[in-house]
Amino acid sequence: MPRMRHLVRALAAALTIAVLLPVANAVAAPRYVVEFRARDGGVFGHTYVAYGPTDRDGVLRRPHYAGFYPSGALSRTALLAVLITPAKVGSEPWDKTKRTEMVYRRELTPRAYARLVHEVGELSRMRPFWHLVLYNCNSFAADVARYMGLQVPWTLQVPKDFVQQLYVLNRRDGVGVAYAAATSGRILQAPDMLFLRVMGAEPVDR
């Protein structure tokens, strides 16, 4: 009888481990997201993309940034409004990522995330020139969105309107969808969401 009780306990322990292990692995697995961000600054603002894994609070950890920027001598002159200039796909400066931003976030599978990283690298080589109308920062974000199979709004609008319209065209209604403000401490986890990235901001979409 003692041996039987020992066997039952061992089986119960094994069953508990079998049940809890997948749950633990699911909790520990990283969640990958891509964020289309529109920030203040300059005349119109700027659109760029942030992507990477999130922690338990939904905050991006070690994010990658990719934005499309004019470069060269003409990039700091008024001629930038009318001329085609050299361009680069670069990382957003750290201080500028702290500004008030509108963010459209979509969750990605690990495989989709790996493809996204590759696509951003390809776009870096394909787009050597910048123009205010023909190809600008919204256009670059639109190419990233198209690669993901998203519908894309008109690119000739201010960045915040572009990002919000991108969300409106592609929002995934259903269980788990969240619309919230992000604070410095926590961001609600959801597969599809639009929010303001600023301390104490009001929700963009209720």
N, C-alpha and C. Protein backbone atom coordinates (compact mmCIF):
# COMPACT_ATOMS: atom_id res chain seq x y z
N MET A 1 0.82 -1.22 0.00
CA MET A 1 0.00 0.00 0.00
C MET A 1 0.85 1.27 0.00
N PRO A 2 1.90 1.37 0.85
CA PRO A 2 2.76 2.56 0.80
C PRO A 2 3.38 2.74 -0.59
N ARG A 3 3.75 1.59 -1.21
CA ARG A 3 4.34 1.69 -2.54
C ARG A 3 3.32 2.22 -3.55
N MET A 4 2.08 1.82 -3.40
CA MET A 4 1.03 2.28 -4.29
C MET A 4 0.81 3.79 -4.13
N ARG A 5 0.79 4.26 -2.86
CA ARG A 5 0.62 5.70 -2.63
C ARG A 5 1.78 6.48 -3.23
N HIS A 6 2.99 5.94 -3.10
CA HIS A 6 4.17 6.60 -3.67
C HIS A 6 4.06 6.69 -5.19
N LEU A 7 3.55 5.59 -5.79
CA LEU A 7 3.39 5.58 -7.24
C LEU A 7 2.35 6.59 -7.69
N VAL A 8 1.25 6.69 -6.95
CA VAL A 8 0.20 7.65 -7.30
C VAL A 8 0.72 9.08 -7.20
N ARG A 9 1.49 9.36 -6.14
CA ARG A 9 2.06 10.69 -5.98
C ARG A 9 3.02 11.02 -7.11
N ALA A 10 3.83 10.05 -7.52
CA ALA A 10 4.78 10.27 -8.60
C ALA A 10 4.05 10.55 -9.91
N LEU A 11 2.98 9.80 -10.16
CA LEU A 11 2.20 10.02 -11.37
C LEU A 11 1.53 11.39 -11.35
N ALA A 12 1.04 11.78 -10.18
CA ALA A 12 0.40 13.09 -10.05
C ALA A 12 1.40 14.21 -10.30
N ALA A 13 2.61 14.06 -9.78
CA ALA A 13 3.64 15.07 -9.98
C ALA A 13 4.02 15.17 -11.45
N ALA A 14 4.14 13.99 -12.11
CA ALA A 14 4.49 14.00 -13.53
C ALA A 14 3.39 14.66 -14.36
N LEU A 15 2.13 14.37 -13.99
CA LEU A 15 1.01 14.98 -14.71
C LEU A 15 1.00 16.49 -14.53
N THR A 16 1.29 16.95 -13.32
CA THR A 16 1.34 18.39 -13.06
C THR A 16 2.41 19.08 -13.90
N ILE A 17 3.57 18.45 -13.97
CA ILE A 17 4.66 19.01 -14.78
C ILE A 17 4.26 19.05 -16.25
N ALA A 18 3.61 17.97 -16.73
CA ALA A 18 3.21 17.92 -18.13
C ALA A 18 2.21 19.00 -18.47
N VAL A 19 1.35 19.34 -17.51
CA VAL A 19 0.34 20.37 -17.74
C VAL A 19 0.93 21.76 -17.66
N LEU A 20 1.80 21.99 -16.69
CA LEU A 20 2.32 23.32 -16.43
C LEU A 20 3.47 23.71 -17.35
N LEU A 21 4.22 22.76 -17.85
CA LEU A 21 5.39 23.08 -18.66
C LEU A 21 5.05 23.86 -19.92
N PRO A 22 4.02 23.43 -20.71
CA PRO A 22 3.68 24.25 -21.87
C PRO A 22 3.24 25.66 -21.51
N VAL A 23 2.54 25.79 -20.38
CA VAL A 23 2.12 27.11 -19.93
C VAL A 23 3.32 27.98 -19.59
N ALA A 24 4.28 27.39 -18.88
CA ALA A 24 5.48 28.14 -18.51
C ALA A 24 6.26 28.56 -19.75
N ASN A 25 6.34 27.63 -20.73
CA ASN A 25 7.06 27.98 -21.95
C ASN A 25 6.37 29.09 -22.71
N ALA A 26 5.02 29.07 -22.71
CA ALA A 26 4.27 30.11 -23.39
C ALA A 26 4.48 31.46 -22.73
N VAL A 27 4.57 31.47 -21.40
CA VAL A 27 4.78 32.72 -20.67
C VAL A 27 6.17 33.26 -20.95
N ALA A 28 7.16 32.33 -21.03
CA ALA A 28 8.54 32.76 -21.20
C ALA A 28 8.85 33.16 -22.64
N ALA A 29 8.07 32.65 -23.59
CA ALA A 29 8.35 32.95 -24.99
C ALA A 29 8.21 34.44 -25.27
N PRO A 30 9.15 35.02 -25.99
CA PRO A 30 9.07 36.46 -26.28
C PRO A 30 7.93 36.76 -27.24
N ARG A 31 7.36 37.95 -27.10
CA ARG A 31 6.33 38.43 -28.01
C ARG A 31 6.97 39.50 -28.87
N TYR A 32 6.86 39.36 -30.18
CA TYR A 32 7.45 40.31 -31.10
C TYR A 32 6.39 41.25 -31.64
N VAL A 33 6.75 42.52 -31.80
CA VAL A 33 5.82 43.51 -32.33
C VAL A 33 6.54 44.42 -33.32
N VAL A 34 5.75 45.03 -34.18
CA VAL A 34 6.23 46.13 -35.02
C VAL A 34 5.35 47.32 -34.72
N GLU A 35 5.95 48.49 -34.60
CA GLU A 35 5.22 49.71 -34.31
C GLU A 35 5.48 50.74 -35.41
N PHE A 36 4.40 51.24 -35.98
CA PHE A 36 4.49 52.37 -36.89
C PHE A 36 4.28 53.62 -36.04
N ARG A 37 5.30 54.46 -35.95
CA ARG A 37 5.27 55.60 -35.03
C ARG A 37 5.31 56.92 -35.78
N ALA A 38 4.55 57.88 -35.28
CA ALA A 38 4.58 59.24 -35.79
C ALA A 38 4.89 60.17 -34.63
N ARG A 39 5.95 60.94 -34.75
CA ARG A 39 6.36 61.81 -33.65
C ARG A 39 6.34 63.27 -34.06
N ASP A 40 6.36 64.13 -33.06
CA ASP A 40 6.46 65.57 -33.29
C ASP A 40 7.88 65.91 -33.72
N GLY A 41 8.04 67.10 -34.27
CA GLY A 41 9.37 67.58 -34.63
C GLY A 41 9.42 68.08 -36.06
N GLY A 42 10.19 69.13 -36.29
CA GLY A 42 10.30 69.70 -37.61
C GLY A 42 9.00 70.39 -38.03
N VAL A 43 8.79 70.48 -39.33
CA VAL A 43 7.60 71.15 -39.86
C VAL A 43 6.37 70.24 -39.78
N PHE A 44 6.53 68.99 -40.21
CA PHE A 44 5.39 68.08 -40.29
C PHE A 44 5.42 66.96 -39.27
N GLY A 45 6.56 66.73 -38.64
CA GLY A 45 6.74 65.55 -37.81
C GLY A 45 7.47 64.48 -38.62
N HIS A 46 7.49 63.28 -38.11
CA HIS A 46 8.25 62.21 -38.77
C HIS A 46 7.62 60.85 -38.47
N THR A 47 7.62 59.98 -39.48
CA THR A 47 7.15 58.60 -39.34
C THR A 47 8.34 57.66 -39.38
N TYR A 48 8.37 56.70 -38.48
CA TYR A 48 9.41 55.68 -38.52
C TYR A 48 8.85 54.38 -37.93
N VAL A 49 9.65 53.33 -37.97
CA VAL A 49 9.22 52.00 -37.54
C VAL A 49 10.12 51.53 -36.40
N ALA A 50 9.50 50.95 -35.37
CA ALA A 50 10.24 50.32 -34.28
C ALA A 50 9.79 48.86 -34.19
N TYR A 51 10.72 47.96 -33.90
CA TYR A 51 10.35 46.55 -33.85
C TYR A 51 11.31 45.79 -32.94
N GLY A 52 10.79 44.71 -32.35
CA GLY A 52 11.59 43.91 -31.44
C GLY A 52 10.72 43.14 -30.47
N PRO A 53 11.32 42.48 -29.48
CA PRO A 53 10.56 41.74 -28.47
C PRO A 53 10.06 42.67 -27.36
N THR A 54 9.00 42.26 -26.69
CA THR A 54 8.48 43.01 -25.55
C THR A 54 8.66 42.21 -24.26
N ASP A 55 8.67 42.94 -23.14
CA ASP A 55 8.74 42.26 -21.85
C ASP A 55 7.32 42.01 -21.33
N ARG A 56 7.20 41.58 -20.08
CA ARG A 56 5.89 41.24 -19.52
C ARG A 56 4.97 42.45 -19.41
N ASP A 57 5.56 43.65 -19.35
CA ASP A 57 4.76 44.86 -19.27
C ASP A 57 4.42 45.43 -20.65
N GLY A 58 4.78 44.71 -21.70
CA GLY A 58 4.47 45.18 -23.04
C GLY A 58 5.42 46.22 -23.57
N VAL A 59 6.51 46.48 -22.87
CA VAL A 59 7.46 47.51 -23.28
C VAL A 59 8.51 46.89 -24.20
N LEU A 60 8.80 47.56 -25.31
CA LEU A 60 9.83 47.09 -26.21
C LEU A 60 11.19 47.08 -25.53
N ARG A 61 11.89 45.97 -25.62
CA ARG A 61 13.24 45.85 -25.06
C ARG A 61 14.24 45.67 -26.19
N ARG A 62 15.29 46.46 -26.18
CA ARG A 62 16.32 46.44 -27.22
C ARG A 62 15.70 46.59 -28.61
N PRO A 63 14.85 47.61 -28.79
CA PRO A 63 14.17 47.75 -30.09
C PRO A 63 15.12 48.18 -31.20
N HIS A 64 14.74 47.83 -32.40
CA HIS A 64 15.40 48.34 -33.60
C HIS A 64 14.54 49.47 -34.15
N TYR A 65 15.19 50.50 -34.68
CA TYR A 65 14.47 51.62 -35.27
C TYR A 65 14.89 51.76 -36.73
N ALA A 66 13.91 52.06 -37.57
CA ALA A 66 14.21 52.28 -38.99
C ALA A 66 13.35 53.43 -39.50
N GLY A 67 14.01 54.48 -39.97
CA GLY A 67 13.31 55.61 -40.55
C GLY A 67 14.01 56.04 -41.82
N PHE A 68 13.29 56.75 -42.67
CA PHE A 68 13.83 57.19 -43.95
C PHE A 68 14.14 58.68 -43.86
N TYR A 69 15.40 59.05 -44.09
CA TYR A 69 15.85 60.42 -43.84
C TYR A 69 16.62 60.97 -45.04
N PRO A 70 16.41 62.26 -45.37
CA PRO A 70 17.28 62.89 -46.38
C PRO A 70 18.68 63.06 -45.80
N SER A 71 19.67 63.00 -46.66
CA SER A 71 21.05 63.18 -46.20
C SER A 71 21.78 64.08 -47.19
N GLY A 72 22.99 64.41 -46.87
CA GLY A 72 23.77 65.26 -47.76
C GLY A 72 23.63 66.74 -47.43
N ALA A 73 24.28 67.56 -48.22
CA ALA A 73 24.36 69.00 -47.95
C ALA A 73 23.01 69.69 -48.05
N LEU A 74 22.12 69.22 -48.91
CA LEU A 74 20.84 69.89 -49.12
C LEU A 74 19.80 69.55 -48.05
N SER A 75 20.10 68.59 -47.21
CA SER A 75 19.11 68.11 -46.24
C SER A 75 18.79 69.15 -45.16
N ARG A 76 19.63 70.17 -45.03
CA ARG A 76 19.40 71.20 -44.01
C ARG A 76 19.07 72.56 -44.63
N THR A 77 18.61 72.53 -45.87
CA THR A 77 18.26 73.79 -46.54
C THR A 77 16.81 73.76 -46.99
N ALA A 78 16.30 74.92 -47.38
CA ALA A 78 14.92 75.03 -47.87
C ALA A 78 14.73 74.31 -49.19
N LEU A 79 15.81 74.03 -49.91
CA LEU A 79 15.71 73.33 -51.18
C LEU A 79 15.20 71.90 -51.00
N LEU A 80 15.25 71.42 -49.77
CA LEU A 80 14.76 70.07 -49.48
C LEU A 80 13.30 69.90 -49.89
N ALA A 81 12.53 70.99 -49.90
CA ALA A 81 11.10 70.91 -50.21
C ALA A 81 10.84 70.66 -51.69
N VAL A 82 11.82 70.91 -52.55
CA VAL A 82 11.55 70.80 -53.98
C VAL A 82 12.51 69.86 -54.71
N LEU A 83 13.65 69.56 -54.13
CA LEU A 83 14.64 68.75 -54.83
C LEU A 83 14.67 67.31 -54.35
N ILE A 84 15.09 66.43 -55.25
CA ILE A 84 15.37 65.05 -54.86
C ILE A 84 16.77 65.02 -54.26
N THR A 85 16.90 64.43 -53.09
CA THR A 85 18.19 64.42 -52.39
C THR A 85 18.59 63.00 -52.03
N PRO A 86 19.88 62.77 -51.80
CA PRO A 86 20.31 61.46 -51.28
C PRO A 86 19.60 61.15 -49.98
N ALA A 87 19.46 59.88 -49.69
CA ALA A 87 18.71 59.48 -48.48
C ALA A 87 19.37 58.26 -47.84
N LYS A 88 18.92 57.97 -46.66
CA LYS A 88 19.40 56.79 -45.94
C LYS A 88 18.29 56.23 -45.08
N VAL A 89 18.35 54.94 -44.82
CA VAL A 89 17.49 54.31 -43.82
C VAL A 89 18.33 54.15 -42.58
N GLY A 90 17.96 54.86 -41.53
CA GLY A 90 18.77 54.87 -40.33
C GLY A 90 17.97 54.69 -39.07
N SER A 91 18.66 54.65 -37.96
CA SER A 91 18.04 54.48 -36.66
C SER A 91 17.59 55.83 -36.11
N GLU A 92 16.44 55.84 -35.46
CA GLU A 92 15.92 57.07 -34.86
C GLU A 92 16.80 57.47 -33.68
N PRO A 93 17.23 58.74 -33.62
CA PRO A 93 18.03 59.20 -32.47
C PRO A 93 17.32 58.95 -31.15
N TRP A 94 18.08 58.57 -30.13
CA TRP A 94 17.49 58.19 -28.84
C TRP A 94 16.64 59.31 -28.26
N ASP A 95 17.11 60.55 -28.31
CA ASP A 95 16.37 61.65 -27.68
C ASP A 95 15.03 61.90 -28.37
N LYS A 96 14.95 61.62 -29.68
CA LYS A 96 13.71 61.87 -30.40
C LYS A 96 12.68 60.78 -30.15
N THR A 97 13.09 59.59 -29.74
CA THR A 97 12.12 58.55 -29.43
C THR A 97 11.39 58.85 -28.13
N LYS A 98 11.82 59.83 -27.38
CA LYS A 98 11.17 60.19 -26.12
C LYS A 98 10.07 61.23 -26.31
N ARG A 99 9.86 61.70 -27.52
CA ARG A 99 8.83 62.69 -27.77
C ARG A 99 7.44 62.03 -27.81
N THR A 100 6.41 62.87 -27.71
CA THR A 100 5.05 62.37 -27.83
C THR A 100 4.86 61.72 -29.19
N GLU A 101 4.32 60.52 -29.19
CA GLU A 101 4.17 59.79 -30.43
C GLU A 101 2.80 59.12 -30.51
N MET A 102 2.29 58.98 -31.72
CA MET A 102 1.16 58.11 -31.97
C MET A 102 1.71 56.80 -32.50
N VAL A 103 1.23 55.69 -31.96
CA VAL A 103 1.81 54.40 -32.27
C VAL A 103 0.73 53.42 -32.71
N TYR A 104 0.96 52.77 -33.84
CA TYR A 104 0.13 51.65 -34.26
C TYR A 104 0.98 50.40 -34.12
N ARG A 105 0.59 49.52 -33.19
CA ARG A 105 1.36 48.31 -32.89
C ARG A 105 0.63 47.07 -33.39
N ARG A 106 1.40 46.18 -34.01
CA ARG A 106 0.88 44.87 -34.41
C ARG A 106 1.82 43.79 -33.90
N GLU A 107 1.23 42.74 -33.37
CA GLU A 107 2.02 41.62 -32.89
C GLU A 107 2.42 40.73 -34.06
N LEU A 108 3.64 40.17 -34.00
CA LEU A 108 4.18 39.33 -35.07
C LEU A 108 4.56 37.96 -34.53
N THR A 109 4.45 36.95 -35.36
CA THR A 109 5.01 35.65 -35.02
C THR A 109 6.53 35.73 -35.16
N PRO A 110 7.27 34.83 -34.51
CA PRO A 110 8.74 34.87 -34.66
C PRO A 110 9.18 34.78 -36.12
N ARG A 111 8.48 33.99 -36.93
CA ARG A 111 8.85 33.86 -38.34
C ARG A 111 8.58 35.17 -39.09
N ALA A 112 7.41 35.77 -38.84
CA ALA A 112 7.09 37.04 -39.50
C ALA A 112 8.07 38.14 -39.06
N TYR A 113 8.49 38.08 -37.80
CA TYR A 113 9.45 39.08 -37.31
C TYR A 113 10.78 38.94 -38.04
N ALA A 114 11.24 37.70 -38.24
CA ALA A 114 12.50 37.48 -38.95
C ALA A 114 12.42 37.99 -40.39
N ARG A 115 11.27 37.79 -41.03
CA ARG A 115 11.09 38.29 -42.39
C ARG A 115 11.07 39.81 -42.41
N LEU A 116 10.48 40.42 -41.38
CA LEU A 116 10.44 41.88 -41.30
C LEU A 116 11.85 42.46 -41.22
N VAL A 117 12.69 41.87 -40.40
CA VAL A 117 14.08 42.33 -40.26
C VAL A 117 14.78 42.28 -41.62
N HIS A 118 14.55 41.19 -42.35
CA HIS A 118 15.15 41.04 -43.68
C HIS A 118 14.62 42.11 -44.64
N GLU A 119 13.31 42.36 -44.60
CA GLU A 119 12.70 43.32 -45.52
C GLU A 119 13.22 44.73 -45.28
N VAL A 120 13.37 45.12 -44.03
CA VAL A 120 13.90 46.46 -43.74
C VAL A 120 15.30 46.60 -44.32
N GLY A 121 16.10 45.55 -44.22
CA GLY A 121 17.43 45.57 -44.82
C GLY A 121 17.37 45.72 -46.33
N GLU A 122 16.41 45.06 -46.97
CA GLU A 122 16.25 45.18 -48.42
C GLU A 122 15.84 46.59 -48.81
N LEU A 123 14.92 47.18 -48.07
CA LEU A 123 14.48 48.54 -48.37
C LEU A 123 15.62 49.54 -48.23
N SER A 124 16.53 49.27 -47.33
CA SER A 124 17.68 50.16 -47.13
C SER A 124 18.50 50.27 -48.42
N ARG A 125 18.56 49.18 -49.19
CA ARG A 125 19.34 49.19 -50.42
C ARG A 125 18.54 49.68 -51.62
N MET A 126 17.21 49.57 -51.55
CA MET A 126 16.38 49.90 -52.71
C MET A 126 16.01 51.38 -52.80
N ARG A 127 16.08 52.12 -51.69
CA ARG A 127 15.57 53.48 -51.67
C ARG A 127 16.69 54.49 -51.37
N PRO A 128 17.49 54.86 -52.36
CA PRO A 128 18.63 55.77 -52.10
C PRO A 128 18.29 57.25 -52.15
N PHE A 129 17.06 57.62 -52.61
CA PHE A 129 16.73 59.04 -52.76
C PHE A 129 15.45 59.41 -52.02
N TRP A 130 15.42 60.63 -51.51
CA TRP A 130 14.29 61.17 -50.75
C TRP A 130 13.70 62.36 -51.49
N HIS A 131 12.35 62.46 -51.46
CA HIS A 131 11.67 63.63 -52.02
C HIS A 131 10.40 63.85 -51.21
N LEU A 132 10.09 65.10 -50.93
CA LEU A 132 8.95 65.43 -50.08
C LEU A 132 7.65 64.83 -50.59
N VAL A 133 7.48 64.76 -51.91
CA VAL A 133 6.23 64.26 -52.50
C VAL A 133 6.39 62.84 -53.05
N LEU A 134 7.48 62.58 -53.77
CA LEU A 134 7.63 61.31 -54.48
C LEU A 134 7.92 60.14 -53.56
N TYR A 135 8.80 60.34 -52.56
CA TYR A 135 9.12 59.26 -51.63
C TYR A 135 9.66 59.86 -50.34
N ASN A 136 8.86 59.77 -49.27
CA ASN A 136 9.23 60.39 -48.00
C ASN A 136 9.16 59.36 -46.86
N CYS A 137 9.18 59.83 -45.63
CA CYS A 137 9.19 58.90 -44.49
C CYS A 137 7.90 58.08 -44.42
N ASN A 138 6.75 58.68 -44.78
CA ASN A 138 5.50 57.91 -44.84
C ASN A 138 5.59 56.81 -45.90
N SER A 139 6.22 57.14 -47.02
CA SER A 139 6.35 56.16 -48.11
C SER A 139 7.15 54.94 -47.66
N PHE A 140 8.20 55.19 -46.90
CA PHE A 140 9.01 54.08 -46.39
C PHE A 140 8.18 53.20 -45.46
N ALA A 141 7.46 53.82 -44.52
CA ALA A 141 6.61 53.05 -43.61
C ALA A 141 5.54 52.30 -44.38
N ALA A 142 5.03 52.91 -45.46
CA ALA A 142 4.02 52.25 -46.29
C ALA A 142 4.59 51.01 -46.97
N ASP A 143 5.85 51.06 -47.40
CA ASP A 143 6.47 49.88 -48.00
C ASP A 143 6.60 48.75 -46.99
N VAL A 144 6.97 49.09 -45.76
CA VAL A 144 7.04 48.08 -44.71
C VAL A 144 5.66 47.47 -44.48
N ALA A 145 4.63 48.31 -44.44
CA ALA A 145 3.27 47.83 -44.21
C ALA A 145 2.80 46.94 -45.36
N ARG A 146 3.10 47.34 -46.60
CA ARG A 146 2.70 46.52 -47.75
C ARG A 146 3.35 45.15 -47.70
N TYR A 147 4.61 45.12 -47.31
CA TYR A 147 5.30 43.84 -47.18
C TYR A 147 4.57 42.93 -46.20
N MET A 148 3.98 43.51 -45.16
CA MET A 148 3.24 42.73 -44.16
C MET A 148 1.83 42.38 -44.64
N GLY A 149 1.46 42.83 -45.83
CA GLY A 149 0.14 42.54 -46.35
C GLY A 149 -0.93 43.50 -45.88
N LEU A 150 -0.53 44.67 -45.38
CA LEU A 150 -1.49 45.65 -44.87
C LEU A 150 -1.97 46.58 -45.97
N GLN A 151 -3.17 47.11 -45.80
CA GLN A 151 -3.64 48.18 -46.67
C GLN A 151 -2.95 49.48 -46.26
N VAL A 152 -2.68 50.32 -47.22
CA VAL A 152 -1.88 51.53 -46.96
C VAL A 152 -2.67 52.77 -47.36
N PRO A 153 -2.74 53.78 -46.48
CA PRO A 153 -3.41 55.03 -46.82
C PRO A 153 -2.55 55.92 -47.71
N TRP A 154 -3.11 57.02 -48.13
CA TRP A 154 -2.39 58.04 -48.91
C TRP A 154 -1.19 58.52 -48.11
N THR A 155 -0.04 58.59 -48.73
CA THR A 155 1.18 58.95 -48.00
C THR A 155 1.40 60.46 -47.90
N LEU A 156 0.69 61.24 -48.70
CA LEU A 156 0.89 62.70 -48.66
C LEU A 156 -0.02 63.33 -47.61
N GLN A 157 0.26 63.03 -46.35
CA GLN A 157 -0.43 63.61 -45.21
C GLN A 157 0.54 63.64 -44.04
N VAL A 158 0.20 64.41 -43.02
CA VAL A 158 1.12 64.51 -41.89
C VAL A 158 1.26 63.14 -41.23
N PRO A 159 2.42 62.85 -40.65
CA PRO A 159 2.68 61.51 -40.11
C PRO A 159 1.63 60.99 -39.14
N LYS A 160 1.14 61.84 -38.22
CA LYS A 160 0.17 61.33 -37.24
C LYS A 160 -1.11 60.87 -37.92
N ASP A 161 -1.55 61.61 -38.95
CA ASP A 161 -2.73 61.20 -39.69
C ASP A 161 -2.47 59.91 -40.47
N PHE A 162 -1.26 59.80 -41.02
CA PHE A 162 -0.91 58.59 -41.77
C PHE A 162 -0.97 57.35 -40.88
N VAL A 163 -0.37 57.44 -39.71
CA VAL A 163 -0.34 56.29 -38.80
C VAL A 163 -1.75 55.93 -38.33
N GLN A 164 -2.54 56.94 -38.01
CA GLN A 164 -3.90 56.66 -37.56
C GLN A 164 -4.73 56.02 -38.67
N GLN A 165 -4.57 56.49 -39.91
CA GLN A 165 -5.31 55.91 -41.02
C GLN A 165 -4.84 54.49 -41.33
N LEU A 166 -3.56 54.24 -41.14
CA LEU A 166 -3.04 52.89 -41.31
C LEU A 166 -3.74 51.93 -40.35
N TYR A 167 -3.92 52.39 -39.12
CA TYR A 167 -4.63 51.59 -38.12
C TYR A 167 -6.09 51.38 -38.52
N VAL A 168 -6.76 52.44 -38.95
CA VAL A 168 -8.17 52.36 -39.30
C VAL A 168 -8.39 51.36 -40.44
N LEU A 169 -7.49 51.35 -41.41
CA LEU A 169 -7.64 50.45 -42.54
C LEU A 169 -7.39 48.99 -42.19
N ASN A 170 -6.62 48.74 -41.14
CA ASN A 170 -6.15 47.37 -40.87
C ASN A 170 -6.52 46.84 -39.50
N ARG A 171 -7.28 47.56 -38.71
CA ARG A 171 -7.59 47.12 -37.35
C ARG A 171 -8.27 45.76 -37.37
N ARG A 172 -7.89 44.94 -36.40
CA ARG A 172 -8.42 43.58 -36.29
C ARG A 172 -9.39 43.53 -35.12
N ASP A 173 -10.67 43.68 -35.40
CA ASP A 173 -11.67 43.65 -34.35
C ASP A 173 -11.80 42.24 -33.78
N GLY A 174 -12.14 42.17 -32.51
CA GLY A 174 -12.35 40.88 -31.89
C GLY A 174 -11.74 40.82 -30.51
N VAL A 175 -11.78 39.64 -29.93
CA VAL A 175 -11.26 39.45 -28.57
C VAL A 175 -9.76 39.76 -28.54
N GLY A 176 -9.35 40.51 -27.54
CA GLY A 176 -7.93 40.81 -27.37
C GLY A 176 -7.49 42.12 -27.98
N VAL A 177 -8.37 42.78 -28.70
CA VAL A 177 -8.00 44.07 -29.27
C VAL A 177 -8.06 45.14 -28.19
N ALA A 178 -7.05 45.97 -28.10
CA ALA A 178 -7.00 46.99 -27.05
C ALA A 178 -6.70 48.34 -27.65
N TYR A 179 -7.32 49.36 -27.09
CA TYR A 179 -7.05 50.74 -27.48
C TYR A 179 -6.73 51.49 -26.19
N ALA A 180 -5.51 51.92 -26.04
CA ALA A 180 -5.13 52.45 -24.73
C ALA A 180 -3.99 53.44 -24.84
N ALA A 181 -3.80 54.15 -23.77
CA ALA A 181 -2.63 55.01 -23.64
C ALA A 181 -1.50 54.22 -23.00
N ALA A 182 -0.29 54.49 -23.42
CA ALA A 182 0.87 53.81 -22.85
C ALA A 182 1.56 54.76 -21.87
N THR A 183 1.84 54.29 -20.69
CA THR A 183 2.59 55.07 -19.73
C THR A 183 4.02 54.53 -19.68
N SER A 184 4.83 55.13 -18.86
CA SER A 184 6.21 54.67 -18.77
C SER A 184 6.31 53.31 -18.10
N GLY A 185 5.25 52.88 -17.40
CA GLY A 185 5.33 51.64 -16.66
C GLY A 185 4.79 50.42 -17.36
N ARG A 186 3.70 50.56 -18.14
CA ARG A 186 3.08 49.37 -18.69
C ARG A 186 2.29 49.72 -19.95
N ILE A 187 2.30 48.80 -20.91
CA ILE A 187 1.50 48.91 -22.12
C ILE A 187 0.62 47.68 -22.21
N LEU A 188 -0.66 47.86 -22.41
CA LEU A 188 -1.56 46.72 -22.52
C LEU A 188 -1.14 45.84 -23.69
N GLN A 189 -1.13 44.52 -23.44
CA GLN A 189 -0.76 43.58 -24.48
C GLN A 189 -1.98 43.25 -25.33
N ALA A 190 -1.86 43.37 -26.63
CA ALA A 190 -2.92 43.03 -27.56
C ALA A 190 -2.30 42.81 -28.93
N PRO A 191 -2.93 42.03 -29.79
CA PRO A 191 -2.36 41.78 -31.11
C PRO A 191 -2.43 42.98 -32.04
N ASP A 192 -3.26 43.96 -31.71
CA ASP A 192 -3.47 45.09 -32.61
C ASP A 192 -3.96 46.27 -31.78
N MET A 193 -3.24 47.38 -31.78
CA MET A 193 -3.65 48.50 -30.93
C MET A 193 -3.07 49.82 -31.43
N LEU A 194 -3.77 50.90 -31.08
CA LEU A 194 -3.33 52.26 -31.38
C LEU A 194 -3.28 53.02 -30.08
N PHE A 195 -2.18 53.72 -29.83
CA PHE A 195 -2.09 54.45 -28.57
C PHE A 195 -1.14 55.63 -28.69
N LEU A 196 -1.23 56.52 -27.72
CA LEU A 196 -0.27 57.60 -27.60
C LEU A 196 0.84 57.16 -26.66
N ARG A 197 2.05 57.33 -27.08
CA ARG A 197 3.19 56.95 -26.26
C ARG A 197 3.68 58.19 -25.52
N VAL A 198 3.03 58.49 -24.41
CA VAL A 198 3.39 59.65 -23.60
C VAL A 198 2.81 59.45 -22.21
N MET A 199 3.50 59.90 -21.20
CA MET A 199 3.05 59.71 -19.83
C MET A 199 1.70 60.39 -19.60
N GLY A 200 0.71 59.61 -19.14
CA GLY A 200 -0.59 60.18 -18.78
C GLY A 200 -1.46 60.55 -19.94
N ALA A 201 -1.18 60.02 -21.15
CA ALA A 201 -1.97 60.39 -22.32
C ALA A 201 -3.36 59.77 -22.26
N GLU A 202 -4.31 60.44 -22.88
CA GLU A 202 -5.66 59.90 -23.01
C GLU A 202 -5.70 58.88 -24.16
N PRO A 203 -6.59 57.89 -24.08
CA PRO A 203 -6.69 56.92 -25.18
C PRO A 203 -7.00 57.60 -26.51
N VAL A 204 -6.42 57.08 -27.57
CA VAL A 204 -6.66 57.61 -28.91
C VAL A 204 -8.00 57.10 -29.43
N ASP A 205 -8.30 55.84 -29.17
CA ASP A 205 -9.50 55.21 -29.70
C ASP A 205 -10.12 54.39 -28.57
N ARG A 206 -11.35 54.71 -28.23
CA ARG A 206 -12.05 54.00 -27.17
C ARG A 206 -12.90 52.87 -27.75
